[in-house]
Amino acid sequence: MKLRFLGIIPNTPVDDSPTIWLDEDTGDLLIQSYRATEEDVKACQQIGSIPGHSTDVPEHETIVRLPAVMLKYIPRPEGDNGEVPRT
């Protein structure tokens, strides 16, 4: 696996450091961040995703909370300004 460091949340202490990497072989992102709270997970489950799809989080998955400041490190297609649409 060929990983490339993309960024770390600015001014974080040594043991509290949300970080993001890119797997250059697959294009996948690897994200170290804050574990979503039980309240966050329940809110995600209430919203759901697509009709008929389970809202359970399987054992091999988790929900993480990525601070907005980290979005600048996510690679975007050319011409994408990186703004997150507000609803």
Protein backbone atom coordinates (compact mmCIF):
# COMPACT_ATOMS: atom_id res chain seq x y z
CA MET A 1 0.00 0.00 0.00
CA LYS A 2 1.39 3.39 -0.98
CA LEU A 3 0.12 6.04 1.46
CA ARG A 4 0.52 9.79 1.16
CA PHE A 5 0.06 12.04 4.19
CA LEU A 6 -2.46 14.77 3.36
CA GLY A 7 -2.83 16.71 6.58
CA ILE A 8 -3.31 16.93 10.30
CA ILE A 9 -5.63 19.24 12.18
CA PRO A 10 -3.59 22.38 12.90
CA ASN A 11 -2.21 23.02 16.38
CA THR A 12 -3.29 19.71 17.89
CA PRO A 13 -1.66 18.27 20.98
CA VAL A 14 0.56 15.20 20.61
CA ASP A 15 -2.18 12.72 21.58
CA ASP A 16 -5.23 14.32 19.94
CA SER A 17 -4.44 14.57 16.26
CA PRO A 18 -7.08 13.97 13.56
CA THR A 19 -5.06 13.01 10.47
CA ILE A 20 -5.85 12.06 6.88
CA TRP A 21 -3.91 9.94 4.36
CA LEU A 22 -4.52 8.95 0.74
CA ASP A 23 -4.00 5.38 -0.48
CA GLU A 24 -2.44 6.20 -3.84
CA ASP A 25 -3.08 2.68 -5.13
CA THR A 26 -6.86 2.78 -4.62
CA GLY A 27 -7.72 6.46 -4.08
CA ASP A 28 -9.21 5.58 -0.69
CA LEU A 29 -8.86 7.97 2.24
CA LEU A 30 -7.71 6.74 5.63
CA ILE A 31 -8.95 8.98 8.40
CA GLN A 32 -7.94 9.15 12.04
CA SER A 33 -10.49 11.30 13.80
CA TYR A 34 -12.90 11.52 16.68
CA ARG A 35 -15.21 8.57 17.22
CA ALA A 36 -18.80 9.66 16.71
CA THR A 37 -20.78 9.87 19.93
CA GLU A 38 -23.71 7.59 20.59
CA GLU A 39 -25.92 10.63 19.95
CA ASP A 40 -24.22 11.18 16.55
CA VAL A 41 -24.74 7.53 15.56
CA LYS A 42 -28.42 7.60 16.57
CA ALA A 43 -28.93 10.79 14.54
CA CYS A 44 -27.31 9.14 11.49
CA GLN A 45 -29.52 6.09 11.95
CA GLN A 46 -32.64 8.26 12.16
CA ILE A 47 -31.77 10.02 8.90
CA GLY A 48 -30.72 6.79 7.17
CA SER A 49 -29.31 6.71 3.67
CA ILE A 50 -31.39 5.01 0.96
CA PRO A 51 -34.74 3.25 1.29
CA GLY A 52 -34.37 -0.38 2.33
CA HIS A 53 -30.74 -0.03 3.45
CA SER A 54 -29.94 -1.00 7.04
CA THR A 55 -29.09 1.80 9.46
CA ASP A 56 -27.06 -0.54 11.66
CA VAL A 57 -23.29 0.03 11.75
CA PRO A 58 -21.59 -3.33 11.13
CA GLU A 59 -18.78 -4.51 13.40
CA HIS A 60 -16.20 -3.91 10.65
CA GLU A 61 -17.29 -0.24 10.21
CA THR A 62 -17.50 2.84 12.39
CA ILE A 63 -18.70 6.42 12.12
CA VAL A 64 -16.07 9.10 12.67
CA ARG A 65 -16.56 12.84 13.06
CA LEU A 66 -14.21 14.74 10.77
CA PRO A 67 -13.72 18.35 11.88
CA ALA A 68 -14.63 20.85 9.13
CA VAL A 69 -11.09 22.24 9.17
CA MET A 70 -9.91 18.85 7.82
CA LEU A 71 -12.01 19.13 4.64
CA LYS A 72 -9.30 21.22 3.02
CA TYR A 73 -7.07 18.13 2.93
CA ILE A 74 -9.52 15.97 0.95
CA PRO A 75 -8.49 15.76 -2.73
CA ARG A 76 -11.09 17.18 -5.10
CA PRO A 77 -11.65 16.98 -8.84
CA GLU A 78 -10.15 19.82 -10.84
CA GLY A 79 -12.41 22.88 -10.72
CA ASP A 80 -14.09 21.86 -7.44
CA ASN A 81 -13.66 24.74 -4.99
CA GLY A 82 -14.11 22.50 -1.95
CA GLU A 83 -17.09 24.37 -0.52
CA VAL A 84 -19.50 22.18 1.37
CA PRO A 85 -23.10 22.91 0.31
CA ARG A 86 -25.28 24.11 3.18
CA THR A 87 -28.85 22.90 3.45
